[in-house]
Amino acid sequence: MIRATTLERILVILSDFVILSICFGLAFWVQFHSGWIVDKYDPSKMFVDYYHMGLVLNVAWLVLFTCAGLYRSWLLQSRTHQILRVIRAVVIGIVLIILCLFGAEFIGKVMSNEPLSSGYLYGSRFPWIFIYGGFALTLVAVFRMIIYGCLRSLLRHGYGANNILVLGATDAGKKIAEDLARTPERGQRVIGFVDERYQVMDKEFAGVPVLGKYSDLPTLIKKLKVTGIIIAHDSTSPQEIMRILVWICECPLHIYLTPELYPVVNGQFKANLVYGFELQELLPFTMPPWQVRVKRVIDILFGAFLGICSLPVCLLTAIAIKLDDHGPVFYSQERIGLYGKPFYVYKFRTMRTDAEKFGAQWATKNDPRITRIGRFLRKTRIDELPQILCVLKGDMSMVGPRPERAVFIGKLREQIPFYISRLKMKPGLTGWAQVCHHYDTSTEDVKIKLQYDMYYYENMSLLLDFQILVRTVYVVLTGKGAQ
């Protein structure tokens, strides 16, 4: 079954495209065929000669709406807030159209001190643009409200709801399940409880099945296609929440808390209130969806550009490694990516070929396993350049936490609270932790870098990515921050 949020996005994009096409057609009719604008009346004009302009405008509108956040999920959000967003986006779009059509001419008149006639500002040039904008604003808003009304009706009948698990067969959990059952238009359906007392309690609570205990969460989430969990256990402590996160942070889902648990996490987690319901989201992903898409485009463009520009450096590096100890130039190694997905990274080899004959271990300061050329490559970060291939493939981003090995993650997730939350981010070629701290040599280093990684996660934005890329250039040129 298609989820409501997926159906919402498909319908809204299709609706906007069709409505904007209709708006362009209406604006064309008003300008040339209606006779309302006398000096523009020309029935010989055919729409077929102008439709390509409408297609270009439609694509531009969709891009603008994406940047304005109009294609994120609005199903459970304020309708008034959404209409205000539509108004803002359409006004910006009309201003951009005017600037594109008349900006150069206007600036030319101003620069040459030519007078602007009243006809220039108020004559036949502008009415059709404002009519087009008025049609777009009205029809886009109206049809969006119709779509959301229909989607809410489907949700009330049980179609397309997200599957939710409640952790804790308690009074608070019972209240959550009953409240969501009474308001199906919220699009959240409780399909079961999970409780550590699973083996000694009834297999049903508040009319909902009890499906297992915390250790069963990864299996249940995948099997039942769960999109969110609600922690509702009365006696939950920060340590208990950390234990839960160890089980679920590899899964792409939302984590919510009931009001009773707000004081437990206050000051220890970043959280957002969930609109229209007494829940608080734990470790929410705050980067706007449009920035996520732009970030991927930047990864591809910047990665390709960097890869081409670095080819001479890579060639010299390969020759230097061969001359240094005659071993292989590259080495590949399995790392763990977004939500625990394994992938292979590629690097220039900086250690002896027998560096891990006694098993996996961290590099140490003045590590004797590092080759002579390897020390320089690590200090300048040149050894990381082959990872551009991983960026282009989509396993990594230009900016993100350092990709770690499964063997170390298995140890660190038990020793360091929230370490596993790094898996909620795509690993990066560079990152906030990489430019602020040296290579890991101990668990203490990992703890320090985790703080940097969590800062990045909680403040992720294109502006911060740009800042990190600039600092990376400084690190490469000076060697500061690298071991």
Protein backbone atom coordinates (compact mmCIF):
# COMPACT_ATOMS: atom_id res chain seq x y z
CA MET A 1 0.00 0.00 0.00
CA ILE A 2 1.28 3.48 -0.89
CA ARG A 3 1.86 5.58 2.23
CA ALA A 4 -0.10 8.80 2.56
CA THR A 5 3.06 10.93 2.49
CA THR A 6 4.23 9.34 -0.79
CA LEU A 7 0.78 9.70 -2.38
CA GLU A 8 0.65 13.29 -1.10
CA ARG A 9 3.91 14.26 -2.81
CA ILE A 10 2.94 12.62 -6.12
CA LEU A 11 -0.51 14.24 -6.21
CA VAL A 12 0.70 17.70 -5.19
CA ILE A 13 3.48 17.81 -7.82
CA LEU A 14 1.14 16.57 -10.58
CA SER A 15 -1.56 19.00 -9.45
CA ASP A 16 0.84 21.95 -9.45
CA PHE A 17 2.12 21.10 -12.93
CA VAL A 18 -1.39 20.78 -14.39
CA ILE A 19 -2.69 23.90 -12.60
CA LEU A 20 0.27 26.02 -13.67
CA SER A 21 -0.25 24.86 -17.26
CA ILE A 22 -3.89 25.93 -17.02
CA CYS A 23 -2.83 29.27 -15.54
CA PHE A 24 -0.47 29.89 -18.44
CA GLY A 25 -3.23 29.02 -20.90
CA LEU A 26 -5.66 31.39 -19.15
CA ALA A 27 -3.06 34.17 -19.11
CA PHE A 28 -2.47 33.62 -22.85
CA TRP A 29 -6.21 33.82 -23.54
CA VAL A 30 -6.61 36.97 -21.42
CA GLN A 31 -3.74 38.72 -23.18
CA PHE A 32 -4.42 37.86 -26.83
CA HIS A 33 -8.00 36.62 -27.20
CA SER A 34 -10.18 38.10 -24.48
CA GLY A 35 -10.03 41.71 -25.61
CA TRP A 36 -9.58 42.85 -22.00
CA ILE A 37 -6.13 44.27 -22.86
CA VAL A 38 -6.97 46.30 -25.95
CA ASP A 39 -3.50 46.88 -27.42
CA LYS A 40 -2.58 43.21 -26.93
CA TYR A 41 -5.70 41.77 -28.56
CA ASP A 42 -4.58 39.55 -31.44
CA PRO A 43 -6.72 36.47 -32.22
CA SER A 44 -4.17 35.33 -34.81
CA LYS A 45 -1.82 34.31 -31.99
CA MET A 46 -1.86 30.53 -31.50
CA PHE A 47 -1.20 28.81 -28.18
CA VAL A 48 0.87 26.13 -29.93
CA ASP A 49 3.50 28.78 -30.65
CA TYR A 50 3.89 29.59 -26.94
CA TYR A 51 3.39 26.29 -25.08
CA HIS A 52 7.17 25.68 -24.82
CA MET A 53 7.44 28.90 -22.80
CA GLY A 54 4.77 27.52 -20.48
CA LEU A 55 6.75 24.31 -19.97
CA VAL A 56 9.87 26.27 -19.04
CA LEU A 57 7.86 28.37 -16.58
CA ASN A 58 6.30 25.23 -15.08
CA VAL A 59 9.71 23.68 -14.42
CA ALA A 60 10.90 26.95 -12.89
CA TRP A 61 7.82 27.07 -10.64
CA LEU A 62 8.37 23.48 -9.46
CA VAL A 63 12.00 24.28 -8.60
CA LEU A 64 10.91 27.41 -6.73
CA PHE A 65 8.20 25.50 -4.84
CA THR A 66 10.76 22.85 -3.92
CA CYS A 67 13.13 25.49 -2.54
CA ALA A 68 10.20 27.06 -0.65
CA GLY A 69 9.50 23.74 1.11
CA LEU A 70 6.12 23.20 -0.53
CA TYR A 71 6.89 19.57 -1.38
CA ARG A 72 7.68 18.38 2.10
CA SER A 73 4.83 16.62 3.90
CA TRP A 74 2.10 19.09 4.83
CA LEU A 75 -0.56 16.47 5.52
CA LEU A 76 -0.58 16.98 9.30
CA GLN A 77 0.46 20.62 9.26
CA SER A 78 -1.53 23.86 9.49
CA ARG A 79 -3.48 24.67 6.32
CA THR A 80 -3.12 28.39 7.03
CA HIS A 81 0.65 28.02 7.29
CA GLN A 82 0.75 26.17 3.97
CA ILE A 83 -1.36 28.81 2.18
CA LEU A 84 0.96 31.53 3.51
CA ARG A 85 3.91 29.56 2.09
CA VAL A 86 2.13 29.33 -1.28
CA ILE A 87 1.47 33.09 -1.27
CA ARG A 88 5.11 33.83 -0.49
CA ALA A 89 6.39 31.48 -3.20
CA VAL A 90 4.03 32.84 -5.87
CA VAL A 91 4.89 36.46 -5.03
CA ILE A 92 8.60 35.64 -5.29
CA GLY A 93 7.95 33.86 -8.59
CA ILE A 94 6.08 36.85 -10.08
CA VAL A 95 8.85 39.21 -9.00
CA LEU A 96 11.42 36.94 -10.67
CA ILE A 97 9.36 36.82 -13.89
CA ILE A 98 9.18 40.62 -13.97
CA LEU A 99 12.91 40.89 -13.35
CA CYS A 100 13.70 38.38 -16.10
CA LEU A 101 11.40 40.06 -18.64
CA PHE A 102 11.93 43.72 -17.88
CA GLY A 103 14.85 43.99 -15.46
CA ALA A 104 17.55 44.66 -18.05
CA GLU A 105 15.41 47.25 -19.86
CA PHE A 106 14.48 48.95 -16.59
CA ILE A 107 18.11 49.12 -15.44
CA GLY A 108 19.14 50.44 -18.86
CA LYS A 109 16.62 53.28 -18.66
CA VAL A 110 17.71 54.15 -15.12
CA MET A 111 21.42 54.09 -16.03
CA SER A 112 20.87 56.28 -19.08
CA ASN A 113 18.60 58.68 -17.12
CA GLU A 114 15.71 58.04 -19.50
CA PRO A 115 12.33 58.88 -18.00
CA LEU A 116 9.99 56.05 -17.08
CA SER A 117 6.56 56.69 -18.52
CA SER A 118 3.44 55.73 -16.63
CA GLY A 119 2.69 53.32 -19.44
CA TYR A 120 5.91 51.47 -18.74
CA LEU A 121 4.88 50.72 -15.17
CA TYR A 122 1.13 50.53 -15.49
CA GLY A 123 0.47 49.86 -19.17
CA SER A 124 -0.17 46.70 -21.10
CA ARG A 125 3.12 45.05 -20.19
CA PHE A 126 2.17 44.08 -16.65
CA PRO A 127 -1.55 43.23 -16.33
CA TRP A 128 -1.22 39.79 -17.89
CA ILE A 129 1.66 38.92 -15.51
CA PHE A 130 -0.43 39.84 -12.50
CA ILE A 131 -3.41 37.97 -13.91
CA TYR A 132 -1.16 34.92 -14.41
CA GLY A 133 0.10 35.25 -10.83
CA GLY A 134 -3.43 35.64 -9.50
CA PHE A 135 -4.59 32.51 -11.30
CA ALA A 136 -1.52 30.59 -10.04
CA LEU A 137 -1.98 31.71 -6.43
CA THR A 138 -5.71 30.96 -6.31
CA LEU A 139 -5.78 27.67 -8.17
CA VAL A 140 -2.62 26.17 -6.60
CA ALA A 141 -3.94 26.93 -3.09
CA VAL A 142 -7.48 25.70 -3.83
CA PHE A 143 -6.41 22.43 -5.44
CA ARG A 144 -3.92 21.75 -2.63
CA MET A 145 -6.72 22.10 -0.10
CA ILE A 146 -8.88 19.71 -2.16
CA ILE A 147 -6.04 17.15 -2.31
CA TYR A 148 -5.39 17.35 1.43
CA GLY A 149 -9.10 17.04 2.16
CA CYS A 150 -9.24 13.86 0.07
CA LEU A 151 -6.07 12.44 1.67
CA ARG A 152 -7.41 13.07 5.17
CA SER A 153 -10.61 11.29 4.15
CA LEU A 154 -8.55 8.28 3.00
CA LEU A 155 -6.67 8.27 6.31
CA ARG A 156 -9.95 8.33 8.24
CA HIS A 157 -10.87 5.15 6.37
CA GLY A 158 -7.56 3.50 7.23
CA TYR A 159 -5.68 3.91 3.93
CA GLY A 160 -2.03 4.96 3.77
CA ALA A 161 -1.32 5.39 7.49
CA ASN A 162 2.22 5.07 8.89
CA ASN A 163 2.90 2.09 11.17
CA ILE A 164 3.87 3.02 14.73
CA LEU A 165 5.20 0.91 17.61
CA VAL A 166 4.72 2.00 21.24
CA LEU A 167 7.52 1.11 23.65
CA GLY A 168 5.93 0.42 27.02
CA ALA A 169 2.59 -1.28 27.72
CA THR A 170 1.72 1.41 30.26
CA ASP A 171 -1.09 3.87 30.96
CA ALA A 172 0.75 6.51 28.92
CA GLY A 173 1.16 4.05 26.06
CA LYS A 174 -2.51 3.08 26.26
CA LYS A 175 -3.54 6.76 26.07
CA ILE A 176 -1.34 7.32 23.01
CA ALA A 177 -2.81 4.27 21.23
CA GLU A 178 -6.38 5.34 22.02
CA ASP A 179 -5.80 8.96 20.98
CA LEU A 180 -4.29 7.92 17.64
CA ALA A 181 -7.12 5.43 17.05
CA ARG A 182 -9.67 8.22 17.63
CA THR A 183 -7.90 10.55 15.17
CA PRO A 184 -6.93 8.39 12.15
CA GLU A 185 -6.61 11.52 9.99
CA ARG A 186 -3.26 12.09 11.70
CA GLY A 187 -1.91 9.27 9.55
CA GLN A 188 -0.30 7.35 12.46
CA ARG A 189 -1.53 3.83 13.28
CA VAL A 190 -0.33 1.92 16.38
CA ILE A 191 0.21 -1.68 15.26
CA GLY A 192 1.72 -3.04 18.46
CA PHE A 193 3.42 -2.58 21.83
CA VAL A 194 6.98 -3.55 22.70
CA ASP A 195 7.80 -4.16 26.34
CA GLU A 196 10.67 -5.76 28.28
CA ARG A 197 8.06 -7.75 30.29
CA TYR A 198 6.89 -9.40 27.06
CA GLN A 199 7.47 -12.98 28.26
CA VAL A 200 5.38 -12.61 31.44
CA MET A 201 2.50 -10.43 30.23
CA ASP A 202 -0.58 -10.91 28.10
CA LYS A 203 -0.05 -10.91 24.36
CA GLU A 204 -2.53 -8.05 23.97
CA PHE A 205 -2.77 -4.66 25.69
CA ALA A 206 -5.46 -2.00 25.16
CA GLY A 207 -6.76 -4.01 22.20
CA VAL A 208 -3.34 -3.91 20.49
CA PRO A 209 -0.93 -6.89 20.26
CA VAL A 210 2.26 -6.97 22.34
CA LEU A 211 4.88 -8.02 19.80
CA GLY A 212 8.15 -8.44 21.70
CA LYS A 213 10.87 -6.74 23.72
CA TYR A 214 13.49 -4.12 22.87
CA SER A 215 15.94 -6.59 21.35
CA ASP A 216 13.22 -7.55 18.84
CA LEU A 217 12.94 -3.98 17.54
CA PRO A 218 15.26 -4.24 14.50
CA THR A 219 13.38 -7.32 13.23
CA LEU A 220 9.93 -5.86 13.94
CA ILE A 221 10.77 -2.53 12.30
CA LYS A 222 11.86 -4.20 9.06
CA LYS A 223 9.14 -6.86 9.02
CA LEU A 224 6.24 -4.50 9.77
CA LYS A 225 7.63 -1.49 7.84
CA VAL A 226 7.51 0.72 10.91
CA THR A 227 8.15 4.44 10.34
CA GLY A 228 8.17 5.60 13.96
CA ILE A 229 8.28 4.50 17.59
CA ILE A 230 6.84 6.20 20.66
CA ILE A 231 8.71 5.73 23.96
CA ALA A 232 6.02 5.67 26.64
CA HIS A 233 7.49 3.66 29.51
CA ASP A 234 6.89 5.38 32.86
CA SER A 235 10.21 4.38 34.42
CA THR A 236 12.40 5.18 31.40
CA SER A 237 15.69 6.86 32.33
CA PRO A 238 18.33 8.54 30.12
CA GLN A 239 20.33 5.31 30.33
CA GLU A 240 17.30 3.28 29.24
CA ILE A 241 16.72 5.59 26.28
CA MET A 242 20.38 5.20 25.31
CA ARG A 243 19.94 1.43 25.43
CA ILE A 244 16.89 1.69 23.16
CA LEU A 245 18.80 3.88 20.72
CA VAL A 246 21.50 1.21 20.42
CA TRP A 247 18.84 -1.11 19.00
CA ILE A 248 17.07 1.30 16.66
CA CYS A 249 19.43 4.05 15.48
CA GLU A 250 20.44 1.96 12.47
CA CYS A 251 16.81 2.11 11.32
CA PRO A 252 15.37 5.03 9.31
CA LEU A 253 12.49 6.04 11.56
CA HIS A 254 11.18 8.81 13.82
CA ILE A 255 11.55 8.51 17.60
CA TYR A 256 8.93 10.19 19.79
CA LEU A 257 8.53 10.72 23.54
CA THR A 258 5.36 11.16 25.61
CA PRO A 259 5.01 14.35 27.74
CA GLU A 260 5.89 12.43 30.92
CA LEU A 261 9.41 11.85 29.58
CA TYR A 262 10.24 15.45 28.57
CA PRO A 263 12.12 16.13 31.86
CA VAL A 264 14.14 12.92 31.41
CA VAL A 265 15.77 14.08 28.18
CA ASN A 266 15.82 17.84 28.81
CA GLY A 267 19.28 19.17 27.99
CA GLN A 268 20.60 15.79 26.84
CA PHE A 269 18.96 15.43 23.43
CA LYS A 270 17.89 17.81 20.72
CA ALA A 271 14.14 17.44 20.28
CA ASN A 272 11.26 19.02 18.36
CA LEU A 273 7.61 19.26 19.32
CA VAL A 274 5.35 17.33 16.94
CA TYR A 275 2.71 19.61 15.46
CA GLY A 276 -0.83 19.04 16.69
CA PHE A 277 -0.01 16.26 19.19
CA GLU A 278 1.58 15.96 22.61
CA LEU A 279 4.70 14.19 21.45
CA GLN A 280 8.30 15.31 21.19
CA GLU A 281 10.59 14.01 18.47
CA LEU A 282 14.00 12.83 19.58
CA LEU A 283 17.08 13.54 17.42
CA PRO A 284 15.02 14.92 14.52
CA PHE A 285 16.62 15.36 11.13
CA THR A 286 16.51 19.14 10.74
CA MET A 287 17.97 19.70 7.26
CA PRO A 288 15.14 20.80 4.92
CA PRO A 289 14.36 18.25 2.18
CA TRP A 290 15.23 20.71 -0.60
CA GLN A 291 18.68 21.24 0.95
CA VAL A 292 19.17 17.45 1.05
CA ARG A 293 18.55 17.32 -2.71
CA VAL A 294 20.78 20.33 -3.37
CA LYS A 295 23.47 18.73 -1.19
CA ARG A 296 23.41 15.64 -3.41
CA VAL A 297 23.70 17.77 -6.57
CA ILE A 298 26.64 19.62 -5.01
CA ASP A 299 28.24 16.27 -4.11
CA ILE A 300 28.08 15.16 -7.75
CA LEU A 301 29.24 18.45 -9.28
CA PHE A 302 31.93 19.23 -6.72
CA GLY A 303 33.08 15.60 -6.61
CA ALA A 304 33.45 15.43 -10.39
CA PHE A 305 35.26 18.79 -10.48
CA LEU A 306 37.61 17.81 -7.64
CA GLY A 307 38.26 14.42 -9.22
CA ILE A 308 39.28 15.96 -12.54
CA CYS A 309 41.42 18.68 -10.94
CA SER A 310 43.19 16.20 -8.64
CA LEU A 311 44.22 13.76 -11.39
CA PRO A 312 47.81 15.14 -11.62
CA VAL A 313 48.14 14.96 -7.82
CA CYS A 314 46.79 11.40 -7.81
CA LEU A 315 49.27 10.37 -10.52
CA LEU A 316 52.22 11.82 -8.59
CA THR A 317 50.95 10.18 -5.39
CA ALA A 318 50.72 6.76 -7.07
CA ILE A 319 54.31 7.09 -8.34
CA ALA A 320 55.54 8.20 -4.89
CA ILE A 321 53.89 5.22 -3.15
CA LYS A 322 55.41 2.79 -5.63
CA LEU A 323 58.89 4.30 -5.21
CA ASP A 324 58.54 4.31 -1.42
CA ASP A 325 57.91 0.59 -0.74
CA HIS A 326 56.82 -1.02 -4.06
CA GLY A 327 53.48 -2.12 -2.57
CA PRO A 328 49.98 -1.54 -3.99
CA VAL A 329 48.95 2.07 -4.54
CA PHE A 330 45.38 1.73 -3.27
CA TYR A 331 43.61 -0.22 -0.60
CA SER A 332 39.90 -0.85 -0.17
CA GLN A 333 38.11 -1.54 3.08
CA GLU A 334 34.52 -2.16 4.13
CA ARG A 335 32.98 0.72 6.06
CA ILE A 336 29.51 1.35 7.46
CA GLY A 337 27.38 4.04 5.86
CA LEU A 338 23.93 5.58 6.27
CA TYR A 339 21.69 3.50 8.55
CA GLY A 340 24.26 0.73 8.80
CA LYS A 341 24.61 0.02 5.07
CA PRO A 342 28.07 -1.45 4.33
CA PHE A 343 30.13 -0.17 1.41
CA TYR A 344 33.77 -0.13 0.32
CA VAL A 345 35.99 2.93 0.58
CA TYR A 346 39.08 3.47 -1.52
CA LYS A 347 42.19 5.29 -0.32
CA PHE A 348 45.80 5.74 -1.18
CA ARG A 349 47.75 3.28 0.95
CA THR A 350 49.55 5.04 3.81
CA MET A 351 50.58 1.99 5.90
CA ARG A 352 52.74 -1.05 5.35
CA THR A 353 51.05 -3.97 3.64
CA ASP A 354 51.25 -6.01 6.89
CA ALA A 355 49.82 -3.20 9.05
CA GLU A 356 46.97 -5.32 10.42
CA LYS A 357 48.55 -8.75 10.64
CA PHE A 358 47.50 -8.78 14.33
CA GLY A 359 43.96 -7.56 13.64
CA ALA A 360 42.16 -4.22 13.33
CA GLN A 361 43.57 -1.41 15.46
CA TRP A 362 43.57 2.38 15.60
CA ALA A 363 46.48 4.39 14.32
CA THR A 364 48.63 5.86 17.09
CA LYS A 365 50.73 8.98 17.26
CA ASN A 366 53.99 8.38 15.34
CA ASP A 367 52.57 4.99 14.32
CA PRO A 368 55.51 2.89 12.98
CA ARG A 369 53.18 1.18 10.51
CA ILE A 370 52.75 4.41 8.53
CA THR A 371 55.10 4.72 5.57
CA ARG A 372 57.24 7.78 4.89
CA ILE A 373 55.06 9.02 2.06
CA GLY A 374 51.98 7.91 4.01
CA ARG A 375 52.74 10.38 6.81
CA PHE A 376 52.70 13.25 4.30
CA LEU A 377 49.54 11.95 2.60
CA ARG A 378 47.70 11.77 5.91
CA LYS A 379 48.84 15.22 7.01
CA THR A 380 47.61 16.81 3.77
CA ARG A 381 44.53 14.52 3.46
CA ILE A 382 45.60 13.52 -0.05
CA ASP A 383 45.09 9.87 0.94
CA GLU A 384 41.33 10.55 1.03
CA LEU A 385 41.05 11.64 -2.63
CA PRO A 386 40.06 8.21 -4.06
CA GLN A 387 36.95 8.37 -1.86
CA ILE A 388 35.56 10.79 -4.44
CA LEU A 389 34.40 7.60 -6.22
CA CYS A 390 32.26 6.78 -3.17
CA VAL A 391 30.81 10.30 -3.25
CA LEU A 392 29.85 9.99 -6.91
CA LYS A 393 28.28 6.57 -6.25
CA GLY A 394 26.19 8.03 -3.41
CA ASP A 395 27.67 5.96 -0.57
CA MET A 396 29.30 9.10 0.84
CA SER A 397 28.81 12.85 0.76
CA MET A 398 31.40 15.59 0.45
CA VAL A 399 30.63 16.57 4.05
CA GLY A 400 29.67 14.21 6.87
CA PRO A 401 31.13 12.08 9.69
CA ARG A 402 34.09 9.82 8.98
CA PRO A 403 32.99 6.36 7.76
CA GLU A 404 33.89 3.78 10.39
CA ARG A 405 34.63 0.06 10.26
CA ALA A 406 32.05 -2.44 11.50
CA VAL A 407 34.48 -3.97 14.02
CA PHE A 408 35.02 -0.60 15.71
CA ILE A 409 31.32 0.31 15.62
CA GLY A 410 30.53 -2.94 17.40
CA LYS A 411 32.88 -1.97 20.24
CA LEU A 412 32.11 1.75 20.38
CA ARG A 413 28.31 1.44 20.41
CA GLU A 414 28.59 -0.35 23.77
CA GLN A 415 31.13 2.07 25.25
CA ILE A 416 29.90 5.48 24.05
CA PRO A 417 26.27 6.62 24.41
CA PHE A 418 24.76 7.85 21.13
CA TYR A 419 27.75 6.72 19.04
CA ILE A 420 25.38 4.75 16.85
CA SER A 421 23.44 7.96 16.06
CA ARG A 422 26.26 8.83 13.61
CA LEU A 423 24.63 6.28 11.32
CA LYS A 424 21.71 8.67 10.82
CA MET A 425 24.07 10.69 8.58
CA LYS A 426 25.73 9.78 5.30
CA PRO A 427 29.52 9.64 5.91
CA GLY A 428 31.65 12.33 4.32
CA LEU A 429 34.95 12.89 2.58
CA THR A 430 35.46 15.70 5.07
CA GLY A 431 33.46 16.85 8.06
CA TRP A 432 33.23 19.04 11.12
CA ALA A 433 35.04 16.49 13.28
CA GLN A 434 37.74 15.89 10.65
CA VAL A 435 38.68 19.58 10.40
CA CYS A 436 38.47 20.20 14.14
CA HIS A 437 40.28 17.11 15.45
CA HIS A 438 43.04 14.72 14.36
CA TYR A 439 42.79 11.05 13.41
CA ASP A 440 41.33 8.71 16.07
CA THR A 441 44.00 7.15 18.26
CA SER A 442 41.85 6.14 21.25
CA THR A 443 38.32 5.90 22.57
CA GLU A 444 38.73 9.37 24.06
CA ASP A 445 39.40 10.76 20.58
CA VAL A 446 36.25 9.05 19.34
CA LYS A 447 34.22 10.65 22.15
CA ILE A 448 35.54 14.08 21.25
CA LYS A 449 34.82 13.60 17.55
CA LEU A 450 31.33 12.30 18.35
CA GLN A 451 30.55 15.68 19.95
CA TYR A 452 31.60 17.40 16.73
CA ASP A 453 29.55 14.92 14.67
CA MET A 454 26.43 15.51 16.78
CA TYR A 455 26.90 19.26 16.49
CA TYR A 456 26.98 18.81 12.71
CA TYR A 457 23.87 16.60 12.78
CA GLU A 458 21.89 19.07 14.87
CA ASN A 459 22.93 22.08 12.76
CA MET A 460 23.21 20.48 9.31
CA SER A 461 22.80 23.01 6.49
CA LEU A 462 24.33 23.97 3.17
CA LEU A 463 25.94 27.00 4.84
CA LEU A 464 27.67 24.80 7.42
CA ASP A 465 28.79 22.44 4.62
CA PHE A 466 30.35 25.40 2.80
CA GLN A 467 32.14 26.47 5.99
CA ILE A 468 33.53 22.96 6.45
CA LEU A 469 34.74 22.78 2.84
CA VAL A 470 36.57 26.11 3.27
CA ARG A 471 38.17 24.90 6.50
CA THR A 472 39.16 21.67 4.77
CA VAL A 473 41.14 23.66 2.20
CA TYR A 474 42.91 25.41 5.10
CA VAL A 475 43.68 22.03 6.76
CA VAL A 476 45.07 20.63 3.50
CA LEU A 477 47.29 23.66 2.92
CA THR A 478 48.57 23.96 6.52
CA GLY A 479 48.29 20.42 7.88
CA LYS A 480 46.51 21.80 10.97
CA GLY A 481 44.00 19.41 12.46
CA ALA A 482 45.48 16.32 10.86
CA GLN A 483 47.83 13.83 12.39
